[in-house]
């Protein structure tokens, strides 16, 4: 399917349909998996990050997006989002 955060508008529309009362999905059960498209991680959607490797060297070989948005950037963004969600509870 490709990177869902490259098509964020339609991902948000689709998730809104799923969590609508007639869609019968709980918002807590809808998760979008990303390989690390960092700019869109701050959306209202739950996100799961696919690491696929523990080093940038291996991840660069497996996932070309890592050359642009490496593990440090991805992990820093995820930590920031986690801290925001903790504060908003």
PDB file of N, CA and C in Angstrom:
ATOM      1  N   UNK A   1       0.808  -1.198   0.000  1.00  0.00           N
ATOM      2  CA  UNK A   1       0.000   0.000   0.000  1.00  0.00           C
ATOM      3  C   UNK A   1       0.847   1.256   0.000  1.00  0.00           C
ATOM      4  N   UNK A   2       2.073   1.150   0.417  1.00  0.00           N
ATOM      5  CA  UNK A   2       2.910   2.339   0.454  1.00  0.00           C
ATOM      6  C   UNK A   2       2.859   3.024   1.809  1.00  0.00           C
ATOM      7  N   UNK A   3       3.431   4.182   1.869  1.00  0.00           N
ATOM      8  CA  UNK A   3       3.534   4.952   3.098  1.00  0.00           C
ATOM      9  C   UNK A   3       2.228   5.712   3.351  1.00  0.00           C
ATOM     10  N   UNK A   4       1.467   5.359   4.386  1.00  0.00           N
ATOM     11  CA  UNK A   4       0.171   6.002   4.602  1.00  0.00           C
ATOM     12  C   UNK A   4       0.267   7.498   4.881  1.00  0.00           C
ATOM     13  N   UNK A   5       1.345   7.945   5.492  1.00  0.00           N
ATOM     14  CA  UNK A   5       1.446   9.360   5.807  1.00  0.00           C
ATOM     15  C   UNK A   5       1.794  10.221   4.587  1.00  0.00           C
ATOM     16  N   UNK A   6       2.087   9.614   3.452  1.00  0.00           N
ATOM     17  CA  UNK A   6       2.203  10.376   2.207  1.00  0.00           C
ATOM     18  C   UNK A   6       0.816  10.748   1.693  1.00  0.00           C
ATOM     19  N   UNK A   7      -0.203  10.096   2.204  1.00  0.00           N
ATOM     20  CA  UNK A   7      -1.581  10.299   1.777  1.00  0.00           C
ATOM     21  C   UNK A   7      -2.443  10.580   3.010  1.00  0.00           C
ATOM     22  N   UNK A   8      -1.961  11.460   3.870  1.00  0.00           N
ATOM     23  CA  UNK A   8      -2.555  11.658   5.188  1.00  0.00           C
ATOM     24  C   UNK A   8      -4.013  12.085   5.134  1.00  0.00           C
ATOM     25  N   UNK A   9      -4.398  12.917   4.174  1.00  0.00           N
ATOM     26  CA  UNK A   9      -5.791  13.373   4.112  1.00  0.00           C
ATOM     27  C   UNK A   9      -6.754  12.205   3.946  1.00  0.00           C
ATOM     28  N   UNK A  10      -6.422  11.289   3.041  1.00  0.00           N
ATOM     29  CA  UNK A  10      -7.296  10.137   2.830  1.00  0.00           C
ATOM     30  C   UNK A  10      -7.215   9.130   3.970  1.00  0.00           C
ATOM     31  N   UNK A  11      -6.073   9.026   4.611  1.00  0.00           N
ATOM     32  CA  UNK A  11      -5.956   8.145   5.781  1.00  0.00           C
ATOM     33  C   UNK A  11      -6.860   8.663   6.902  1.00  0.00           C
ATOM     34  N   UNK A  12      -6.878   9.968   7.110  1.00  0.00           N
ATOM     35  CA  UNK A  12      -7.738  10.554   8.138  1.00  0.00           C
ATOM     36  C   UNK A  12      -9.206  10.347   7.789  1.00  0.00           C
ATOM     37  N   UNK A  13      -9.571  10.538   6.513  1.00  0.00           N
ATOM     38  CA  UNK A  13     -10.960  10.305   6.092  1.00  0.00           C
ATOM     39  C   UNK A  13     -11.364   8.852   6.315  1.00  0.00           C
ATOM     40  N   UNK A  14     -10.495   7.931   5.920  1.00  0.00           N
ATOM     41  CA  UNK A  14     -10.802   6.504   6.080  1.00  0.00           C
ATOM     42  C   UNK A  14     -10.934   6.138   7.555  1.00  0.00           C
ATOM     43  N   UNK A  15     -10.054   6.663   8.384  1.00  0.00           N
ATOM     44  CA  UNK A  15     -10.140   6.336   9.813  1.00  0.00           C
ATOM     45  C   UNK A  15     -11.396   6.945  10.433  1.00  0.00           C
ATOM     46  N   UNK A  16     -11.815   8.116   9.964  1.00  0.00           N
ATOM     47  CA  UNK A  16     -13.055   8.724  10.467  1.00  0.00           C
ATOM     48  C   UNK A  16     -14.260   7.851  10.134  1.00  0.00           C
ATOM     49  N   UNK A  17     -14.250   7.253   8.953  1.00  0.00           N
ATOM     50  CA  UNK A  17     -15.328   6.334   8.572  1.00  0.00           C
ATOM     51  C   UNK A  17     -15.313   5.107   9.474  1.00  0.00           C
ATOM     52  N   UNK A  18     -14.134   4.575   9.727  1.00  0.00           N
ATOM     53  CA  UNK A  18     -14.030   3.373  10.561  1.00  0.00           C
ATOM     54  C   UNK A  18     -14.514   3.605  11.985  1.00  0.00           C
ATOM     55  N   UNK A  19     -14.213   4.780  12.551  1.00  0.00           N
ATOM     56  CA  UNK A  19     -14.573   5.022  13.948  1.00  0.00           C
ATOM     57  C   UNK A  19     -15.942   5.681  14.105  1.00  0.00           C
ATOM     58  N   UNK A  20     -16.615   5.952  12.992  1.00  0.00           N
ATOM     59  CA  UNK A  20     -17.983   6.463  13.043  1.00  0.00           C
ATOM     60  C   UNK A  20     -18.855   5.420  13.731  1.00  0.00           C
ATOM     61  N   UNK A  21     -19.933   5.856  14.354  1.00  0.00           N
ATOM     62  CA  UNK A  21     -20.795   4.907  15.078  1.00  0.00           C
ATOM     63  C   UNK A  21     -21.284   3.759  14.203  1.00  0.00           C
ATOM     64  N   UNK A  22     -21.403   3.981  12.895  1.00  0.00           N
ATOM     65  CA  UNK A  22     -21.815   2.891  12.004  1.00  0.00           C
ATOM     66  C   UNK A  22     -20.631   2.052  11.537  1.00  0.00           C
ATOM     67  N   UNK A  23     -19.432   2.539  11.783  1.00  0.00           N
ATOM     68  CA  UNK A  23     -18.242   1.783  11.405  1.00  0.00           C
ATOM     69  C   UNK A  23     -17.857   0.733  12.426  1.00  0.00           C
ATOM     70  N   UNK A  24     -18.284   0.944  13.649  1.00  0.00           N
ATOM     71  CA  UNK A  24     -18.113  -0.033  14.730  1.00  0.00           C
ATOM     72  C   UNK A  24     -16.664  -0.309  15.121  1.00  0.00           C
ATOM     73  N   UNK A  25     -15.747   0.600  14.844  1.00  0.00           N
ATOM     74  CA  UNK A  25     -14.371   0.452  15.316  1.00  0.00           C
ATOM     75  C   UNK A  25     -14.142   1.444  16.453  1.00  0.00           C
ATOM     76  N   UNK A  26     -13.457   1.017  17.468  1.00  0.00           N
ATOM     77  CA  UNK A  26     -13.059   1.926  18.532  1.00  0.00           C
ATOM     78  C   UNK A  26     -11.854   2.735  18.042  1.00  0.00           C
ATOM     79  N   UNK A  27     -11.825   4.052  18.298  1.00  0.00           N
ATOM     80  CA  UNK A  27     -10.656   4.841  17.889  1.00  0.00           C
ATOM     81  C   UNK A  27      -9.347   4.298  18.467  1.00  0.00           C
ATOM     82  N   UNK A  28      -9.432   3.636  19.606  1.00  0.00           N
ATOM     83  CA  UNK A  28      -8.229   3.077  20.225  1.00  0.00           C
ATOM     84  C   UNK A  28      -7.742   1.829  19.504  1.00  0.00           C
ATOM     85  N   UNK A  29      -8.542   1.308  18.579  1.00  0.00           N
ATOM     86  CA  UNK A  29      -8.168   0.091  17.856  1.00  0.00           C
ATOM     87  C   UNK A  29      -7.673   0.376  16.436  1.00  0.00           C
ATOM     88  N   UNK A  30      -7.693   1.637  16.027  1.00  0.00           N
ATOM     89  CA  UNK A  30      -7.241   2.006  14.683  1.00  0.00           C
ATOM     90  C   UNK A  30      -5.827   2.565  14.791  1.00  0.00           C
ATOM     91  N   UNK A  31      -4.881   1.862  14.203  1.00  0.00           N
ATOM     92  CA  UNK A  31      -3.475   2.256  14.249  1.00  0.00           C
ATOM     93  C   UNK A  31      -2.920   2.295  12.836  1.00  0.00           C
ATOM     94  N   UNK A  32      -2.157   3.322  12.537  1.00  0.00           N
ATOM     95  CA  UNK A  32      -1.516   3.450  11.234  1.00  0.00           C
ATOM     96  C   UNK A  32      -0.037   3.132  11.412  1.00  0.00           C
ATOM     97  N   UNK A  33       0.459   2.210  10.613  1.00  0.00           N
ATOM     98  CA  UNK A  33       1.861   1.818  10.698  1.00  0.00           C
ATOM     99  C   UNK A  33       2.687   2.625   9.705  1.00  0.00           C
ATOM    100  N   UNK A  34       3.808   3.128  10.165  1.00  0.00           N
ATOM    101  CA  UNK A  34       4.687   3.928   9.324  1.00  0.00           C
ATOM    102  C   UNK A  34       6.114   3.406   9.408  1.00  0.00           C
ATOM    103  N   UNK A  35       6.849   3.628   8.349  1.00  0.00           N
ATOM    104  CA  UNK A  35       8.264   3.274   8.372  1.00  0.00           C
ATOM    105  C   UNK A  35       9.093   4.440   8.893  1.00  0.00           C
ATOM    106  N   UNK A  36       8.424   5.553   9.160  1.00  0.00           N
ATOM    107  CA  UNK A  36       9.141   6.674   9.749  1.00  0.00           C
ATOM    108  C   UNK A  36       8.931   7.992   9.056  1.00  0.00           C
ATOM    109  N   UNK A  37       7.771   8.215   8.472  1.00  0.00           N
ATOM    110  CA  UNK A  37       7.497   9.498   7.831  1.00  0.00           C
ATOM    111  C   UNK A  37       7.172  10.506   8.927  1.00  0.00           C
ATOM    112  N   UNK A  38       8.192  11.135   9.450  1.00  0.00           N
ATOM    113  CA  UNK A  38       8.135  11.922  10.681  1.00  0.00           C
ATOM    114  C   UNK A  38       7.185  13.121  10.641  1.00  0.00           C
ATOM    115  N   UNK A  39       7.098  13.911   9.571  1.00  0.00           N
ATOM    116  CA  UNK A  39       6.284  15.132   9.646  1.00  0.00           C
ATOM    117  C   UNK A  39       4.823  14.917  10.023  1.00  0.00           C
ATOM    118  N   UNK A  40       4.252  13.759   9.741  1.00  0.00           N
ATOM    119  CA  UNK A  40       2.835  13.539  10.002  1.00  0.00           C
ATOM    120  C   UNK A  40       2.559  12.760  11.281  1.00  0.00           C
ATOM    121  N   UNK A  41       3.569  12.444  12.052  1.00  0.00           N
ATOM    122  CA  UNK A  41       3.343  11.635  13.248  1.00  0.00           C
ATOM    123  C   UNK A  41       2.525  12.356  14.309  1.00  0.00           C
ATOM    124  N   UNK A  42       2.436  13.651  14.261  1.00  0.00           N
ATOM    125  CA  UNK A  42       1.698  14.388  15.277  1.00  0.00           C
ATOM    126  C   UNK A  42       0.203  14.454  15.042  1.00  0.00           C
ATOM    127  N   UNK A  43      -0.333  13.640  14.165  1.00  0.00           N
ATOM    128  CA  UNK A  43      -1.771  13.650  13.915  1.00  0.00           C
ATOM    129  C   UNK A  43      -2.504  12.991  15.065  1.00  0.00           C
ATOM    130  N   UNK A  44      -3.819  12.977  15.004  1.00  0.00           N
ATOM    131  CA  UNK A  44      -4.640  12.370  16.047  1.00  0.00           C
ATOM    132  C   UNK A  44      -4.664  10.848  15.965  1.00  0.00           C
ATOM    133  N   UNK A  45      -4.059  10.280  14.951  1.00  0.00           N
ATOM    134  CA  UNK A  45      -4.070   8.832  14.776  1.00  0.00           C
ATOM    135  C   UNK A  45      -3.031   8.160  15.656  1.00  0.00           C
ATOM    136  N   UNK A  46      -3.340   6.948  16.089  1.00  0.00           N
ATOM    137  CA  UNK A  46      -2.326   6.141  16.759  1.00  0.00           C
ATOM    138  C   UNK A  46      -1.354   5.667  15.692  1.00  0.00           C
ATOM    139  N   UNK A  47      -0.095   5.690  15.995  1.00  0.00           N
ATOM    140  CA  UNK A  47       0.906   5.293  15.004  1.00  0.00           C
ATOM    141  C   UNK A  47       1.800   4.202  15.563  1.00  0.00           C
ATOM    142  N   UNK A  48       2.169   3.294  14.690  1.00  0.00           N
ATOM    143  CA  UNK A  48       3.141   2.255  15.016  1.00  0.00           C
ATOM    144  C   UNK A  48       4.308   2.438  14.062  1.00  0.00           C
ATOM    145  N   UNK A  49       5.504   2.463  14.587  1.00  0.00           N
ATOM    146  CA  UNK A  49       6.685   2.664  13.747  1.00  0.00           C
ATOM    147  C   UNK A  49       7.361   1.330  13.466  1.00  0.00           C
ATOM    148  N   UNK A  50       7.627   1.077  12.190  1.00  0.00           N
ATOM    149  CA  UNK A  50       8.342  -0.136  11.777  1.00  0.00           C
ATOM    150  C   UNK A  50       9.837   0.162  11.782  1.00  0.00           C
ATOM    151  N   UNK A  51      10.548  -0.404  12.720  1.00  0.00           N
ATOM    152  CA  UNK A  51      11.982  -0.146  12.806  1.00  0.00           C
ATOM    153  C   UNK A  51      12.764  -1.022  11.834  1.00  0.00           C
ATOM    154  N   UNK A  52      12.513  -2.303  11.798  1.00  0.00           N
ATOM    155  CA  UNK A  52      13.137  -3.275  10.897  1.00  0.00           C
ATOM    156  C   UNK A  52      14.637  -3.455  11.067  1.00  0.00           C
ATOM    157  N   UNK A  53      15.274  -2.607  11.828  1.00  0.00           N
ATOM    158  CA  UNK A  53      16.713  -2.731  12.092  1.00  0.00           C
ATOM    159  C   UNK A  53      17.052  -1.828  13.270  1.00  0.00           C
ATOM    160  N   UNK A  54      18.127  -2.153  13.960  1.00  0.00           N
ATOM    161  CA  UNK A  54      18.485  -1.341  15.130  1.00  0.00           C
ATOM    162  C   UNK A  54      19.594  -0.343  14.852  1.00  0.00           C
ATOM    163  N   UNK A  55      20.149  -0.358  13.643  1.00  0.00           N
ATOM    164  CA  UNK A  55      21.178   0.620  13.287  1.00  0.00           C
ATOM    165  C   UNK A  55      20.778   1.343  12.008  1.00  0.00           C
ATOM    166  N   UNK A  56      21.260   2.583  11.877  1.00  0.00           N
ATOM    167  CA  UNK A  56      20.980   3.339  10.656  1.00  0.00           C
ATOM    168  C   UNK A  56      21.612   2.681   9.436  1.00  0.00           C
ATOM    169  N   UNK A  57      22.773   2.085   9.609  1.00  0.00           N
ATOM    170  CA  UNK A  57      23.450   1.441   8.477  1.00  0.00           C
ATOM    171  C   UNK A  57      22.569   0.355   7.856  1.00  0.00           C
ATOM    172  N   UNK A  58      22.039  -0.529   8.679  1.00  0.00           N
ATOM    173  CA  UNK A  58      21.186  -1.608   8.168  1.00  0.00           C
ATOM    174  C   UNK A  58      19.850  -1.048   7.699  1.00  0.00           C
ATOM    175  N   UNK A  59      19.299  -0.117   8.459  1.00  0.00           N
ATOM    176  CA  UNK A  59      18.000   0.454   8.103  1.00  0.00           C
ATOM    177  C   UNK A  59      18.081   1.221   6.778  1.00  0.00           C
ATOM    178  N   UNK A  60      19.195   1.896   6.498  1.00  0.00           N
ATOM    179  CA  UNK A  60      19.373   2.578   5.206  1.00  0.00           C
ATOM    180  C   UNK A  60      19.281   1.591   4.053  1.00  0.00           C
ATOM    181  N   UNK A  61      19.829   0.415   4.261  1.00  0.00           N
ATOM    182  CA  UNK A  61      19.831  -0.607   3.218  1.00  0.00           C
ATOM    183  C   UNK A  61      18.431  -1.180   3.007  1.00  0.00           C
ATOM    184  N   UNK A  62      17.692  -1.372   4.105  1.00  0.00           N
ATOM    185  CA  UNK A  62      16.358  -1.970   4.032  1.00  0.00           C
ATOM    186  C   UNK A  62      15.299  -0.952   3.627  1.00  0.00           C
ATOM    187  N   UNK A  63      15.375   0.248   4.190  1.00  0.00           N
ATOM    188  CA  UNK A  63      14.322   1.258   4.041  1.00  0.00           C
ATOM    189  C   UNK A  63      14.940   2.583   3.618  1.00  0.00           C
ATOM    190  N   UNK A  64      14.711   2.978   2.395  1.00  0.00           N
ATOM    191  CA  UNK A  64      15.340   4.202   1.893  1.00  0.00           C
ATOM    192  C   UNK A  64      14.885   5.453   2.638  1.00  0.00           C
ATOM    193  N   UNK A  65      13.709   5.441   3.240  1.00  0.00           N
ATOM    194  CA  UNK A  65      13.247   6.618   3.988  1.00  0.00           C
ATOM    195  C   UNK A  65      14.196   6.961   5.132  1.00  0.00           C
ATOM    196  N   UNK A  66      14.931   5.981   5.623  1.00  0.00           N
ATOM    197  CA  UNK A  66      15.848   6.215   6.735  1.00  0.00           C
ATOM    198  C   UNK A  66      16.973   7.173   6.357  1.00  0.00           C
ATOM    199  N   UNK A  67      17.291   7.282   5.089  1.00  0.00           N
ATOM    200  CA  UNK A  67      18.344   8.222   4.673  1.00  0.00           C
ATOM    201  C   UNK A  67      17.902   9.661   4.903  1.00  0.00           C
ATOM    202  N   UNK A  68      16.602   9.892   4.824  1.00  0.00           N
ATOM    203  CA  UNK A  68      16.052  11.234   5.028  1.00  0.00           C
ATOM    204  C   UNK A  68      15.627  11.444   6.486  1.00  0.00           C
ATOM    205  N   UNK A  69      15.005  10.437   7.064  1.00  0.00           N
ATOM    206  CA  UNK A  69      14.473  10.531   8.424  1.00  0.00           C
ATOM    207  C   UNK A  69      14.985   9.343   9.225  1.00  0.00           C
ATOM    208  N   UNK A  70      16.171   9.509   9.791  1.00  0.00           N
ATOM    209  CA  UNK A  70      16.868   8.390  10.429  1.00  0.00           C
ATOM    210  C   UNK A  70      16.283   8.034  11.798  1.00  0.00           C
ATOM    211  N   UNK A  71      16.890   7.031  12.422  1.00  0.00           N
ATOM    212  CA  UNK A  71      16.398   6.531  13.706  1.00  0.00           C
ATOM    213  C   UNK A  71      16.375   7.603  14.791  1.00  0.00           C
ATOM    214  N   UNK A  72      17.404   8.436  14.856  1.00  0.00           N
ATOM    215  CA  UNK A  72      17.428   9.486  15.885  1.00  0.00           C
ATOM    216  C   UNK A  72      16.257  10.439  15.731  1.00  0.00           C
ATOM    217  N   UNK A  73      15.968  10.851  14.508  1.00  0.00           N
ATOM    218  CA  UNK A  73      14.841  11.745  14.254  1.00  0.00           C
ATOM    219  C   UNK A  73      13.521  11.045  14.570  1.00  0.00           C
ATOM    220  N   UNK A  74      13.371   9.812  14.113  1.00  0.00           N
ATOM    221  CA  UNK A  74      12.150   9.049  14.362  1.00  0.00           C
ATOM    222  C   UNK A  74      11.926   8.841  15.861  1.00  0.00           C
ATOM    223  N   UNK A  75      12.945   8.370  16.562  1.00  0.00           N
ATOM    224  CA  UNK A  75      12.804   8.111  17.993  1.00  0.00           C
ATOM    225  C   UNK A  75      12.572   9.395  18.785  1.00  0.00           C
ATOM    226  N   UNK A  76      13.230  10.477  18.393  1.00  0.00           N
ATOM    227  CA  UNK A  76      13.001  11.759  19.059  1.00  0.00           C
ATOM    228  C   UNK A  76      11.572  12.239  18.882  1.00  0.00           C
ATOM    229  N   UNK A  77      11.041  12.078  17.683  1.00  0.00           N
ATOM    230  CA  UNK A  77       9.657  12.461  17.413  1.00  0.00           C
ATOM    231  C   UNK A  77       8.694  11.598  18.211  1.00  0.00           C
ATOM    232  N   UNK A  78       8.936  10.293  18.244  1.00  0.00           N
ATOM    233  CA  UNK A  78       8.073   9.393  19.007  1.00  0.00           C
ATOM    234  C   UNK A  78       8.106   9.713  20.500  1.00  0.00           C
ATOM    235  N   UNK A  79       9.289  10.021  21.024  1.00  0.00           N
ATOM    236  CA  UNK A  79       9.390  10.394  22.445  1.00  0.00           C
ATOM    237  C   UNK A  79       8.617  11.685  22.726  1.00  0.00           C
ATOM    238  N   UNK A  80       8.740  12.648  21.819  1.00  0.00           N
ATOM    239  CA  UNK A  80       8.005  13.904  21.973  1.00  0.00           C
ATOM    240  C   UNK A  80       6.503  13.687  21.959  1.00  0.00           C
ATOM    241  N   UNK A  81       6.027  12.849  21.050  1.00  0.00           N
ATOM    242  CA  UNK A  81       4.595  12.539  20.984  1.00  0.00           C
ATOM    243  C   UNK A  81       4.131  11.832  22.248  1.00  0.00           C
ATOM    244  N   UNK A  82       4.928  10.913  22.739  1.00  0.00           N
ATOM    245  CA  UNK A  82       4.581  10.195  23.966  1.00  0.00           C
ATOM    246  C   UNK A  82       4.476  11.161  25.143  1.00  0.00           C
ATOM    247  N   UNK A  83       5.418  12.077  25.253  1.00  0.00           N
ATOM    248  CA  UNK A  83       5.378  13.071  26.334  1.00  0.00           C
ATOM    249  C   UNK A  83       4.147  13.963  26.231  1.00  0.00           C
ATOM    250  N   UNK A  84       3.785  14.377  25.003  1.00  0.00           N
ATOM    251  CA  UNK A  84       2.581  15.193  24.810  1.00  0.00           C
ATOM    252  C   UNK A  84       1.331  14.438  25.228  1.00  0.00           C
ATOM    253  N   UNK A  85       1.258  13.172  24.850  1.00  0.00           N
ATOM    254  CA  UNK A  85       0.077  12.368  25.201  1.00  0.00           C
ATOM    255  C   UNK A  85      -0.016  12.154  26.707  1.00  0.00           C
ATOM    256  N   UNK A  86       1.124  11.997  27.367  1.00  0.00           N
ATOM    257  CA  UNK A  86       1.119  11.839  28.827  1.00  0.00           C
ATOM    258  C   UNK A  86       0.610  13.112  29.501  1.00  0.00           C
ATOM    259  N   UNK A  87       1.027  14.271  28.987  1.00  0.00           N
ATOM    260  CA  UNK A  87       0.605  15.547  29.566  1.00  0.00           C
ATOM    261  C   UNK A  87      -0.882  15.796  29.352  1.00  0.00           C
ATOM    262  N   UNK A  88      -1.413  15.322  28.222  1.00  0.00           N
ATOM    263  CA  UNK A  88      -2.812  15.571  27.879  1.00  0.00           C
ATOM    264  C   UNK A  88      -3.785  14.591  28.520  1.00  0.00           C
ATOM    265  N   UNK A  89      -3.286  13.649  29.293  1.00  0.00           N
ATOM    266  CA  UNK A  89      -4.187  12.675  29.945  1.00  0.00           C
ATOM    267  C   UNK A  89      -4.935  13.295  31.080  1.00  0.00           C
TER     268      UNK A  89
END
